[in-house]
Amino acid sequence: MDFEITRDVRNEVLSRRELAFTLTFDGPTPSRKSIQEKLAAMLNKNESLVVLDLERTRFGAMELSGRARIYDDEESKKSTEREYLLKRGEPKKAESEA
């Protein structure tokens, strides 16, 4: 996976960095979790503070374009981020067996 950050803007009002990126990959489309981990490692940030918003792939191309927001702290993340995006970024809970 190769990241190319196409836009990097600091939003002081909301205490976050807003990124636009292009990801080139081989094989199947990477999962949201693997993209989140790779982006956090590349920028030396905690992966729980990274929120992926938009991911688009083109048919037949091994390229993905997306947007991400990296918050300064957990409190500012929870106060501004939409609830469904927070749930997408969390690991799935194992279902209890009946």
N, C-alpha and C. Protein backbone atom coordinates (compact mmCIF):
# COMPACT_ATOMS: atom_id res chain seq x y z
N MET A 1 0.84 -1.18 0.00
CA MET A 1 0.00 0.00 0.00
C MET A 1 0.88 1.24 0.00
N ASP A 2 0.64 2.12 -0.95
CA ASP A 2 1.37 3.37 -1.05
C ASP A 2 0.40 4.54 -0.90
N PHE A 3 0.65 5.38 0.10
CA PHE A 3 -0.17 6.56 0.34
C PHE A 3 0.43 7.76 -0.36
N GLU A 4 -0.42 8.59 -0.91
CA GLU A 4 -0.02 9.90 -1.40
C GLU A 4 -1.03 10.89 -0.84
N ILE A 5 -0.58 11.77 0.03
CA ILE A 5 -1.47 12.77 0.62
C ILE A 5 -1.58 13.93 -0.37
N THR A 6 -2.80 14.17 -0.85
CA THR A 6 -3.01 15.19 -1.87
C THR A 6 -3.42 16.53 -1.26
N ARG A 7 -3.94 16.51 -0.04
CA ARG A 7 -4.34 17.75 0.64
C ARG A 7 -4.19 17.55 2.13
N ASP A 8 -3.58 18.51 2.80
CA ASP A 8 -3.38 18.45 4.25
C ASP A 8 -3.65 19.83 4.82
N VAL A 9 -4.78 19.98 5.53
CA VAL A 9 -5.19 21.27 6.07
C VAL A 9 -5.40 21.14 7.57
N ARG A 10 -4.92 22.11 8.31
CA ARG A 10 -5.12 22.14 9.76
C ARG A 10 -6.35 22.98 10.06
N ASN A 11 -7.32 22.41 10.80
CA ASN A 11 -8.54 23.10 11.20
C ASN A 11 -8.44 23.37 12.70
N GLU A 12 -8.00 24.57 13.06
CA GLU A 12 -7.80 24.92 14.48
C GLU A 12 -9.11 24.99 15.25
N VAL A 13 -10.18 25.41 14.59
CA VAL A 13 -11.47 25.56 15.27
C VAL A 13 -11.97 24.22 15.80
N LEU A 14 -11.80 23.16 15.01
CA LEU A 14 -12.29 21.84 15.40
C LEU A 14 -11.18 20.93 15.93
N SER A 15 -9.98 21.46 16.10
CA SER A 15 -8.83 20.71 16.66
C SER A 15 -8.55 19.43 15.88
N ARG A 16 -8.36 19.58 14.57
CA ARG A 16 -8.10 18.39 13.75
C ARG A 16 -7.31 18.75 12.50
N ARG A 17 -6.74 17.72 11.89
CA ARG A 17 -6.14 17.80 10.56
C ARG A 17 -7.09 17.14 9.59
N GLU A 18 -7.28 17.76 8.43
CA GLU A 18 -8.15 17.20 7.40
C GLU A 18 -7.28 16.82 6.22
N LEU A 19 -7.36 15.54 5.86
CA LEU A 19 -6.50 15.01 4.80
C LEU A 19 -7.33 14.47 3.63
N ALA A 20 -6.80 14.62 2.45
CA ALA A 20 -7.30 13.92 1.27
C ALA A 20 -6.13 13.08 0.78
N PHE A 21 -6.40 11.84 0.41
CA PHE A 21 -5.30 10.95 0.04
C PHE A 21 -5.68 10.05 -1.12
N THR A 22 -4.65 9.53 -1.75
CA THR A 22 -4.80 8.51 -2.79
C THR A 22 -3.98 7.32 -2.35
N LEU A 23 -4.59 6.16 -2.39
CA LEU A 23 -3.94 4.93 -1.95
C LEU A 23 -3.84 3.98 -3.13
N THR A 24 -2.64 3.53 -3.42
CA THR A 24 -2.42 2.54 -4.47
C THR A 24 -2.13 1.20 -3.80
N PHE A 25 -2.80 0.16 -4.26
CA PHE A 25 -2.68 -1.15 -3.61
C PHE A 25 -2.65 -2.27 -4.64
N ASP A 26 -2.22 -3.45 -4.20
CA ASP A 26 -2.23 -4.65 -5.03
C ASP A 26 -3.21 -5.63 -4.42
N GLY A 27 -3.93 -6.35 -5.24
CA GLY A 27 -4.87 -7.34 -4.73
C GLY A 27 -6.21 -6.72 -4.38
N PRO A 28 -6.90 -7.31 -3.40
CA PRO A 28 -8.24 -6.80 -3.04
C PRO A 28 -8.16 -5.44 -2.35
N THR A 29 -9.28 -4.74 -2.35
CA THR A 29 -9.36 -3.44 -1.69
C THR A 29 -9.10 -3.61 -0.20
N PRO A 30 -8.20 -2.81 0.37
CA PRO A 30 -7.90 -2.94 1.80
C PRO A 30 -9.08 -2.54 2.67
N SER A 31 -9.14 -3.11 3.85
CA SER A 31 -10.24 -2.81 4.76
C SER A 31 -10.07 -1.42 5.36
N ARG A 32 -11.17 -0.88 5.91
CA ARG A 32 -11.11 0.42 6.57
C ARG A 32 -10.11 0.39 7.72
N LYS A 33 -10.10 -0.70 8.46
CA LYS A 33 -9.21 -0.82 9.62
C LYS A 33 -7.74 -0.79 9.18
N SER A 34 -7.39 -1.49 8.12
CA SER A 34 -6.00 -1.50 7.67
C SER A 34 -5.58 -0.13 7.13
N ILE A 35 -6.49 0.57 6.46
CA ILE A 35 -6.20 1.92 5.98
C ILE A 35 -5.98 2.86 7.17
N GLN A 36 -6.85 2.74 8.17
CA GLN A 36 -6.75 3.57 9.36
C GLN A 36 -5.43 3.32 10.09
N GLU A 37 -5.05 2.06 10.25
CA GLU A 37 -3.79 1.72 10.93
C GLU A 37 -2.58 2.24 10.16
N LYS A 38 -2.58 2.07 8.85
CA LYS A 38 -1.45 2.50 8.03
C LYS A 38 -1.30 4.02 8.04
N LEU A 39 -2.41 4.73 7.96
CA LEU A 39 -2.38 6.18 7.97
C LEU A 39 -1.90 6.71 9.33
N ALA A 40 -2.36 6.10 10.41
CA ALA A 40 -1.93 6.51 11.75
C ALA A 40 -0.44 6.24 11.95
N ALA A 41 0.05 5.10 11.47
CA ALA A 41 1.47 4.77 11.61
C ALA A 41 2.33 5.72 10.77
N MET A 42 1.86 6.06 9.60
CA MET A 42 2.60 6.94 8.72
C MET A 42 2.74 8.34 9.31
N LEU A 43 1.72 8.81 10.01
CA LEU A 43 1.72 10.16 10.57
C LEU A 43 2.07 10.19 12.06
N ASN A 44 2.43 9.05 12.64
CA ASN A 44 2.78 8.93 14.06
C ASN A 44 1.67 9.44 14.97
N LYS A 45 0.46 9.00 14.72
CA LYS A 45 -0.70 9.37 15.52
C LYS A 45 -1.36 8.11 16.06
N ASN A 46 -2.18 8.28 17.09
CA ASN A 46 -2.95 7.18 17.65
C ASN A 46 -4.08 6.82 16.68
N GLU A 47 -4.23 5.56 16.35
CA GLU A 47 -5.23 5.18 15.35
C GLU A 47 -6.67 5.40 15.81
N SER A 48 -6.90 5.52 17.11
CA SER A 48 -8.27 5.79 17.59
C SER A 48 -8.68 7.23 17.32
N LEU A 49 -7.73 8.11 16.99
CA LEU A 49 -8.03 9.51 16.70
C LEU A 49 -8.22 9.76 15.20
N VAL A 50 -8.08 8.72 14.38
CA VAL A 50 -8.23 8.84 12.93
C VAL A 50 -9.64 8.40 12.54
N VAL A 51 -10.33 9.24 11.77
CA VAL A 51 -11.67 8.93 11.28
C VAL A 51 -11.65 8.98 9.76
N LEU A 52 -11.99 7.86 9.13
CA LEU A 52 -12.09 7.80 7.67
C LEU A 52 -13.50 8.20 7.28
N ASP A 53 -13.60 9.11 6.33
CA ASP A 53 -14.91 9.61 5.95
C ASP A 53 -15.36 9.04 4.61
N LEU A 54 -14.56 9.15 3.59
CA LEU A 54 -14.99 8.81 2.25
C LEU A 54 -13.94 7.96 1.57
N GLU A 55 -14.36 6.88 0.96
CA GLU A 55 -13.46 6.03 0.20
C GLU A 55 -14.11 5.72 -1.14
N ARG A 56 -13.39 5.96 -2.20
CA ARG A 56 -13.91 5.69 -3.53
C ARG A 56 -12.88 4.92 -4.33
N THR A 57 -13.34 3.87 -4.97
CA THR A 57 -12.48 3.12 -5.89
C THR A 57 -13.10 3.19 -7.28
N ARG A 58 -12.25 3.13 -8.27
CA ARG A 58 -12.74 3.07 -9.64
C ARG A 58 -12.66 1.64 -10.11
N PHE A 59 -13.62 1.22 -10.89
CA PHE A 59 -13.65 -0.15 -11.38
C PHE A 59 -12.41 -0.44 -12.20
N GLY A 60 -11.74 -1.53 -11.85
CA GLY A 60 -10.58 -1.98 -12.59
C GLY A 60 -9.27 -1.31 -12.21
N ALA A 61 -9.33 -0.27 -11.41
CA ALA A 61 -8.10 0.44 -11.01
C ALA A 61 -7.72 0.02 -9.60
N MET A 62 -6.45 -0.15 -9.36
CA MET A 62 -5.96 -0.51 -8.03
C MET A 62 -5.63 0.77 -7.27
N GLU A 63 -6.62 1.66 -7.22
CA GLU A 63 -6.41 2.96 -6.61
C GLU A 63 -7.66 3.37 -5.85
N LEU A 64 -7.46 3.96 -4.70
CA LEU A 64 -8.56 4.39 -3.84
C LEU A 64 -8.30 5.83 -3.45
N SER A 65 -9.32 6.66 -3.53
CA SER A 65 -9.18 8.04 -3.06
C SER A 65 -10.09 8.20 -1.85
N GLY A 66 -9.64 8.96 -0.88
CA GLY A 66 -10.43 9.09 0.34
C GLY A 66 -10.09 10.34 1.12
N ARG A 67 -10.87 10.54 2.19
CA ARG A 67 -10.65 11.66 3.10
C ARG A 67 -10.58 11.12 4.51
N ALA A 68 -9.78 11.77 5.32
CA ALA A 68 -9.63 11.38 6.72
C ALA A 68 -9.49 12.62 7.57
N ARG A 69 -9.86 12.48 8.84
CA ARG A 69 -9.68 13.55 9.81
C ARG A 69 -8.93 12.97 11.00
N ILE A 70 -7.92 13.70 11.45
CA ILE A 70 -7.12 13.26 12.59
C ILE A 70 -7.28 14.29 13.70
N TYR A 71 -7.87 13.86 14.79
CA TYR A 71 -8.18 14.76 15.90
C TYR A 71 -7.02 14.84 16.89
N ASP A 72 -6.97 15.95 17.63
CA ASP A 72 -5.95 16.14 18.65
C ASP A 72 -6.24 15.31 19.89
N ASP A 73 -7.52 15.16 20.25
CA ASP A 73 -7.88 14.38 21.43
C ASP A 73 -9.25 13.73 21.23
N GLU A 74 -9.54 12.78 22.09
CA GLU A 74 -10.77 12.00 22.01
C GLU A 74 -12.02 12.87 22.23
N GLU A 75 -11.91 13.84 23.10
CA GLU A 75 -13.06 14.69 23.43
C GLU A 75 -13.52 15.51 22.22
N SER A 76 -12.59 16.11 21.51
CA SER A 76 -12.96 16.89 20.33
C SER A 76 -13.49 15.99 19.22
N LYS A 77 -13.00 14.78 19.15
CA LYS A 77 -13.49 13.82 18.16
C LYS A 77 -14.96 13.48 18.42
N LYS A 78 -15.29 13.17 19.66
CA LYS A 78 -16.67 12.78 19.99
C LYS A 78 -17.64 13.93 19.89
N SER A 79 -17.17 15.16 20.13
CA SER A 79 -18.08 16.30 20.11
C SER A 79 -18.42 16.76 18.70
N THR A 80 -17.56 16.50 17.72
CA THR A 80 -17.82 17.00 16.37
C THR A 80 -18.14 15.92 15.34
N GLU A 81 -17.72 14.71 15.56
CA GLU A 81 -17.87 13.67 14.54
C GLU A 81 -19.27 13.06 14.58
N ARG A 82 -19.75 12.67 13.40
CA ARG A 82 -21.06 12.03 13.29
C ARG A 82 -21.01 10.62 13.88
N GLU A 83 -22.09 10.23 14.50
CA GLU A 83 -22.15 8.98 15.26
C GLU A 83 -21.90 7.75 14.39
N TYR A 84 -22.46 7.73 13.19
CA TYR A 84 -22.29 6.54 12.34
C TYR A 84 -20.84 6.36 11.88
N LEU A 85 -20.10 7.46 11.73
CA LEU A 85 -18.70 7.34 11.35
C LEU A 85 -17.86 6.83 12.52
N LEU A 86 -18.23 7.20 13.73
CA LEU A 86 -17.52 6.68 14.90
C LEU A 86 -17.73 5.18 15.03
N LYS A 87 -18.96 4.72 14.75
CA LYS A 87 -19.25 3.29 14.85
C LYS A 87 -18.54 2.49 13.76
N ARG A 88 -18.37 3.07 12.58
CA ARG A 88 -17.66 2.39 11.49
C ARG A 88 -16.21 2.13 11.84
N GLY A 89 -15.60 3.05 12.58
CA GLY A 89 -14.20 2.93 12.91
C GLY A 89 -13.90 1.98 14.05
N GLU A 90 -14.91 1.61 14.82
CA GLU A 90 -14.69 0.71 15.95
C GLU A 90 -14.62 -0.74 15.49
N PRO A 91 -13.85 -1.56 16.21
CA PRO A 91 -13.83 -2.99 15.87
C PRO A 91 -15.19 -3.63 16.17
N LYS A 92 -15.56 -4.61 15.37
CA LYS A 92 -16.85 -5.27 15.58
C LYS A 92 -16.80 -6.13 16.83
N LYS A 93 -17.89 -6.12 17.58
CA LYS A 93 -17.97 -6.94 18.80
C LYS A 93 -18.41 -8.34 18.43
N ALA A 94 -17.83 -9.31 19.11
CA ALA A 94 -18.19 -10.70 18.85
C ALA A 94 -19.61 -10.95 19.37
N GLU A 95 -20.41 -11.63 18.56
CA GLU A 95 -21.77 -11.92 18.97
C GLU A 95 -21.76 -13.03 20.01
N SER A 96 -22.62 -12.88 21.01
CA SER A 96 -22.69 -13.91 22.04
C SER A 96 -23.41 -15.12 21.47
N GLU A 97 -22.91 -16.29 21.83
CA GLU A 97 -23.49 -17.52 21.31
C GLU A 97 -24.67 -17.92 22.17
N ALA A 98 -25.76 -18.30 21.56
CA ALA A 98 -26.97 -18.66 22.30
C ALA A 98 -27.06 -20.15 22.55
